[in-house]
C-alpha atoms as a PDB file:
ATOM      1  CA  UNK A   1    -156.000  17.461 209.753  1.00  0.00           C
ATOM      2  CA  UNK A   2    -154.967  20.636 208.376  1.00  0.00           C
ATOM      3  CA  UNK A   3    -153.408  22.831 209.925  1.00  0.00           C
ATOM      4  CA  UNK A   4    -154.776  26.573 210.225  1.00  0.00           C
ATOM      5  CA  UNK A   5    -152.408  29.608 208.817  1.00  0.00           C
ATOM      6  CA  UNK A   6    -151.911  31.957 211.154  1.00  0.00           C
ATOM      7  CA  UNK A   7    -152.272  36.056 210.632  1.00  0.00           C
ATOM      8  CA  UNK A   8    -148.014  36.156 209.551  1.00  0.00           C
ATOM      9  CA  UNK A   9    -148.593  33.032 207.460  1.00  0.00           C
ATOM     10  CA  UNK A  10    -146.558  34.015 204.242  1.00  0.00           C
ATOM     11  CA  UNK A  11    -149.796  34.664 201.700  1.00  0.00           C
ATOM     12  CA  UNK A  12    -151.046  37.199 204.349  1.00  0.00           C
ATOM     13  CA  UNK A  13    -147.580  39.432 203.568  1.00  0.00           C
ATOM     14  CA  UNK A  14    -148.737  42.691 203.094  1.00  0.00           C
ATOM     15  CA  UNK A  15    -146.850  43.918 199.780  1.00  0.00           C
ATOM     16  CA  UNK A  16    -145.644  47.411 198.618  1.00  0.00           C
ATOM     17  CA  UNK A  17    -147.174  48.270 195.262  1.00  0.00           C
ATOM     18  CA  UNK A  18    -145.369  51.298 193.237  1.00  0.00           C
ATOM     19  CA  UNK A  19    -146.343  52.762 190.074  1.00  0.00           C
ATOM     20  CA  UNK A  20    -143.424  51.649 187.536  1.00  0.00           C
ATOM     21  CA  UNK A  21    -143.416  53.599 184.388  1.00  0.00           C
ATOM     22  CA  UNK A  22    -141.289  51.043 181.487  1.00  0.00           C
ATOM     23  CA  UNK A  23    -143.255  51.484 178.273  1.00  0.00           C
ATOM     24  CA  UNK A  24    -143.944  55.235 176.513  1.00  0.00           C
ATOM     25  CA  UNK A  25    -147.426  55.510 175.735  1.00  0.00           C
ATOM     26  CA  UNK A  26    -148.864  53.062 178.221  1.00  0.00           C
ATOM     27  CA  UNK A  27    -148.168  53.029 181.731  1.00  0.00           C
ATOM     28  CA  UNK A  28    -150.556  54.665 183.151  1.00  0.00           C
ATOM     29  CA  UNK A  29    -152.538  55.020 186.297  1.00  0.00           C
ATOM     30  CA  UNK A  30    -155.827  56.471 186.668  1.00  0.00           C
ATOM     31  CA  UNK A  31    -157.464  57.419 190.517  1.00  0.00           C
ATOM     32  CA  UNK A  32    -157.723  59.305 193.779  1.00  0.00           C
ATOM     33  CA  UNK A  33    -154.588  60.861 195.550  1.00  0.00           C
ATOM     34  CA  UNK A  34    -155.625  60.183 199.110  1.00  0.00           C
ATOM     35  CA  UNK A  35    -152.222  61.697 200.636  1.00  0.00           C
ATOM     36  CA  UNK A  36    -148.806  63.451 199.690  1.00  0.00           C
ATOM     37  CA  UNK A  37    -146.311  62.496 202.314  1.00  0.00           C
ATOM     38  CA  UNK A  38    -142.532  62.642 202.594  1.00  0.00           C
ATOM     39  CA  UNK A  39    -139.892  59.530 202.977  1.00  0.00           C
ATOM     40  CA  UNK A  40    -136.081  59.179 203.168  1.00  0.00           C
ATOM     41  CA  UNK A  41    -134.889  57.876 198.985  1.00  0.00           C
ATOM     42  CA  UNK A  42    -133.283  54.347 199.388  1.00  0.00           C
ATOM     43  CA  UNK A  43    -132.432  55.231 195.825  1.00  0.00           C
ATOM     44  CA  UNK A  44    -128.138  55.028 195.054  1.00  0.00           C
ATOM     45  CA  UNK A  45    -126.510  58.301 195.350  1.00  0.00           C
ATOM     46  CA  UNK A  46    -129.865  60.337 197.187  1.00  0.00           C
ATOM     47  CA  UNK A  47    -129.615  58.378 200.057  1.00  0.00           C
ATOM     48  CA  UNK A  48    -131.550  59.527 203.102  1.00  0.00           C
ATOM     49  CA  UNK A  49    -132.768  63.286 200.499  1.00  0.00           C
ATOM     50  CA  UNK A  50    -136.330  63.758 201.089  1.00  0.00           C
ATOM     51  CA  UNK A  51    -138.707  62.874 198.307  1.00  0.00           C
ATOM     52  CA  UNK A  52    -142.249  62.988 197.915  1.00  0.00           C
ATOM     53  CA  UNK A  53    -144.291  59.714 197.330  1.00  0.00           C
ATOM     54  CA  UNK A  54    -148.187  60.253 195.974  1.00  0.00           C
ATOM     55  CA  UNK A  55    -150.488  57.054 197.009  1.00  0.00           C
ATOM     56  CA  UNK A  56    -153.163  56.864 194.657  1.00  0.00           C
ATOM     57  CA  UNK A  57    -156.873  54.601 195.142  1.00  0.00           C
ATOM     58  CA  UNK A  58    -156.353  53.276 192.006  1.00  0.00           C
ATOM     59  CA  UNK A  59    -159.411  52.987 188.718  1.00  0.00           C
ATOM     60  CA  UNK A  60    -157.326  51.620 186.518  1.00  0.00           C
ATOM     61  CA  UNK A  61    -154.508  51.213 185.125  1.00  0.00           C
ATOM     62  CA  UNK A  62    -151.444  49.023 183.819  1.00  0.00           C
ATOM     63  CA  UNK A  63    -147.554  49.179 183.748  1.00  0.00           C
ATOM     64  CA  UNK A  64    -144.724  47.048 183.222  1.00  0.00           C
ATOM     65  CA  UNK A  65    -141.918  45.712 184.523  1.00  0.00           C
ATOM     66  CA  UNK A  66    -138.196  45.142 184.194  1.00  0.00           C
ATOM     67  CA  UNK A  67    -136.617  41.866 184.401  1.00  0.00           C
ATOM     68  CA  UNK A  68    -133.639  40.783 186.080  1.00  0.00           C
ATOM     69  CA  UNK A  69    -131.533  42.181 182.970  1.00  0.00           C
ATOM     70  CA  UNK A  70    -133.207  45.176 183.373  1.00  0.00           C
ATOM     71  CA  UNK A  71    -135.125  44.581 179.927  1.00  0.00           C
ATOM     72  CA  UNK A  72    -139.050  45.223 179.712  1.00  0.00           C
ATOM     73  CA  UNK A  73    -141.655  42.642 180.352  1.00  0.00           C
ATOM     74  CA  UNK A  74    -143.839  42.454 177.789  1.00  0.00           C
ATOM     75  CA  UNK A  75    -147.086  41.386 180.189  1.00  0.00           C
ATOM     76  CA  UNK A  76    -148.295  44.769 181.529  1.00  0.00           C
ATOM     77  CA  UNK A  77    -149.019  44.264 185.345  1.00  0.00           C
ATOM     78  CA  UNK A  78    -153.368  45.550 185.112  1.00  0.00           C
ATOM     79  CA  UNK A  79    -153.717  47.625 188.094  1.00  0.00           C
ATOM     80  CA  UNK A  80    -157.266  46.874 189.346  1.00  0.00           C
ATOM     81  CA  UNK A  81    -159.981  48.927 190.907  1.00  0.00           C
ATOM     82  CA  UNK A  82    -159.208  50.158 194.783  1.00  0.00           C
ATOM     83  CA  UNK A  83    -156.110  48.792 194.612  1.00  0.00           C
ATOM     84  CA  UNK A  84    -153.269  51.617 196.463  1.00  0.00           C
ATOM     85  CA  UNK A  85    -150.306  52.051 194.136  1.00  0.00           C
ATOM     86  CA  UNK A  86    -147.440  54.733 195.129  1.00  0.00           C
ATOM     87  CA  UNK A  87    -145.547  57.048 193.021  1.00  0.00           C
ATOM     88  CA  UNK A  88    -142.488  58.649 193.583  1.00  0.00           C
ATOM     89  CA  UNK A  89    -142.195  61.993 193.113  1.00  0.00           C
ATOM     90  CA  UNK A  90    -139.503  63.761 190.950  1.00  0.00           C
ATOM     91  CA  UNK A  91    -139.195  67.520 190.110  1.00  0.00           C
ATOM     92  CA  UNK A  92    -141.618  67.266 187.534  1.00  0.00           C
ATOM     93  CA  UNK A  93    -144.023  65.099 188.848  1.00  0.00           C
ATOM     94  CA  UNK A  94    -143.667  67.394 192.010  1.00  0.00           C
ATOM     95  CA  UNK A  95    -144.200  70.417 190.518  1.00  0.00           C
ATOM     96  CA  UNK A  96    -147.386  69.796 188.756  1.00  0.00           C
ATOM     97  CA  UNK A  97    -148.936  68.276 191.948  1.00  0.00           C
ATOM     98  CA  UNK A  98    -148.733  71.619 194.255  1.00  0.00           C
ATOM     99  CA  UNK A  99    -152.255  72.582 192.975  1.00  0.00           C
ATOM    100  CA  UNK A 100    -153.655  68.746 194.002  1.00  0.00           C
ATOM    101  CA  UNK A 101    -155.723  67.791 196.471  1.00  0.00           C
ATOM    102  CA  UNK A 102    -155.911  65.120 198.497  1.00  0.00           C
ATOM    103  CA  UNK A 103    -159.227  63.103 197.532  1.00  0.00           C
ATOM    104  CA  UNK A 104    -159.029  64.757 193.731  1.00  0.00           C
ATOM    105  CA  UNK A 105    -158.942  62.653 190.796  1.00  0.00           C
ATOM    106  CA  UNK A 106    -155.526  62.199 188.779  1.00  0.00           C
ATOM    107  CA  UNK A 107    -154.054  60.233 186.146  1.00  0.00           C
ATOM    108  CA  UNK A 108    -150.566  60.227 185.581  1.00  0.00           C
ATOM    109  CA  UNK A 109    -149.062  59.020 181.991  1.00  0.00           C
ATOM    110  CA  UNK A 110    -145.170  58.273 180.735  1.00  0.00           C
ATOM    111  CA  UNK A 111    -145.546  60.444 177.837  1.00  0.00           C
ATOM    112  CA  UNK A 112    -141.499  59.881 176.592  1.00  0.00           C
ATOM    113  CA  UNK A 113    -138.384  59.507 177.549  1.00  0.00           C
ATOM    114  CA  UNK A 114    -135.077  62.390 176.353  1.00  0.00           C
ATOM    115  CA  UNK A 115    -131.754  62.029 176.582  1.00  0.00           C
ATOM    116  CA  UNK A 116    -130.091  62.510 179.474  1.00  0.00           C
ATOM    117  CA  UNK A 117    -128.154  66.412 178.964  1.00  0.00           C
ATOM    118  CA  UNK A 118    -125.850  64.616 181.331  1.00  0.00           C
ATOM    119  CA  UNK A 119    -123.786  62.321 179.623  1.00  0.00           C
ATOM    120  CA  UNK A 120    -124.034  58.754 181.190  1.00  0.00           C
ATOM    121  CA  UNK A 121    -127.395  59.330 183.460  1.00  0.00           C
ATOM    122  CA  UNK A 122    -130.439  57.675 182.480  1.00  0.00           C
ATOM    123  CA  UNK A 123    -132.549  59.803 180.341  1.00  0.00           C
ATOM    124  CA  UNK A 124    -135.379  61.390 181.845  1.00  0.00           C
ATOM    125  CA  UNK A 125    -139.282  59.783 181.805  1.00  0.00           C
ATOM    126  CA  UNK A 126    -141.423  62.734 181.122  1.00  0.00           C
ATOM    127  CA  UNK A 127    -144.746  61.885 182.790  1.00  0.00           C
ATOM    128  CA  UNK A 128    -147.380  63.741 182.756  1.00  0.00           C
ATOM    129  CA  UNK A 129    -150.202  64.712 185.826  1.00  0.00           C
ATOM    130  CA  UNK A 130    -153.647  65.076 184.226  1.00  0.00           C
ATOM    131  CA  UNK A 131    -156.683  66.386 186.934  1.00  0.00           C
ATOM    132  CA  UNK A 132    -160.076  66.457 185.382  1.00  0.00           C
ATOM    133  CA  UNK A 133    -162.349  68.601 185.996  1.00  0.00           C
ATOM    134  CA  UNK A 134    -166.056  68.813 186.186  1.00  0.00           C
ATOM    135  CA  UNK A 135    -168.654  70.730 183.906  1.00  0.00           C
ATOM    136  CA  UNK A 136    -168.277  74.070 185.693  1.00  0.00           C
ATOM    137  CA  UNK A 137    -164.552  73.862 185.496  1.00  0.00           C
ATOM    138  CA  UNK A 138    -164.054  72.512 189.634  1.00  0.00           C
ATOM    139  CA  UNK A 139    -161.423  69.634 190.128  1.00  0.00           C
ATOM    140  CA  UNK A 140    -163.502  66.041 190.046  1.00  0.00           C
ATOM    141  CA  UNK A 141    -163.048  64.810 193.637  1.00  0.00           C
ATOM    142  CA  UNK A 142    -163.998  61.147 195.368  1.00  0.00           C
ATOM    143  CA  UNK A 143    -167.364  61.671 196.728  1.00  0.00           C
ATOM    144  CA  UNK A 144    -166.838  58.732 198.577  1.00  0.00           C
ATOM    145  CA  UNK A 145    -163.496  59.380 199.297  1.00  0.00           C
ATOM    146  CA  UNK A 146    -164.752  62.612 200.425  1.00  0.00           C
ATOM    147  CA  UNK A 147    -167.315  61.450 203.264  1.00  0.00           C
ATOM    148  CA  UNK A 148    -165.097  59.056 204.766  1.00  0.00           C
ATOM    149  CA  UNK A 149    -162.164  61.059 205.119  1.00  0.00           C
ATOM    150  CA  UNK A 150    -164.891  63.788 206.422  1.00  0.00           C
ATOM    151  CA  UNK A 151    -166.018  60.863 209.272  1.00  0.00           C
ATOM    152  CA  UNK A 152    -162.458  60.184 210.548  1.00  0.00           C
ATOM    153  CA  UNK A 153    -161.293  63.576 211.011  1.00  0.00           C
ATOM    154  CA  UNK A 154    -164.479  64.278 212.726  1.00  0.00           C
END
């Protein structure tokens, strides 16, 4: 007789999805901004500092992860439609995201690395934020998401 699996079975564990940006011009995500929040950083040297996190319901994208030796794994991770991914804020991303509304269609793309101005520090990753517009110049919004959001807020 096969044992029924419980809700707390390993395969039911929900994983955090963080979009990674490791290969210029290839790593990117496009979808709907579903939330902006602040959380305390766990990064070494920045522990406890408030950082912005942007949650995106993906339409498409891909990114590369690093192996144990911090080398890029050649095969990209495909981001599937409707998966939720988080993107950590940086000074540049946060500045670009200032005028982005929850429910708006956005894309983030890793463009290039620039050498650090401080010796011994990692290069800066240049990630651009894109916000497509409708023909009339208004931001593209995810109408289905906005309709659900209005129902929830009612």
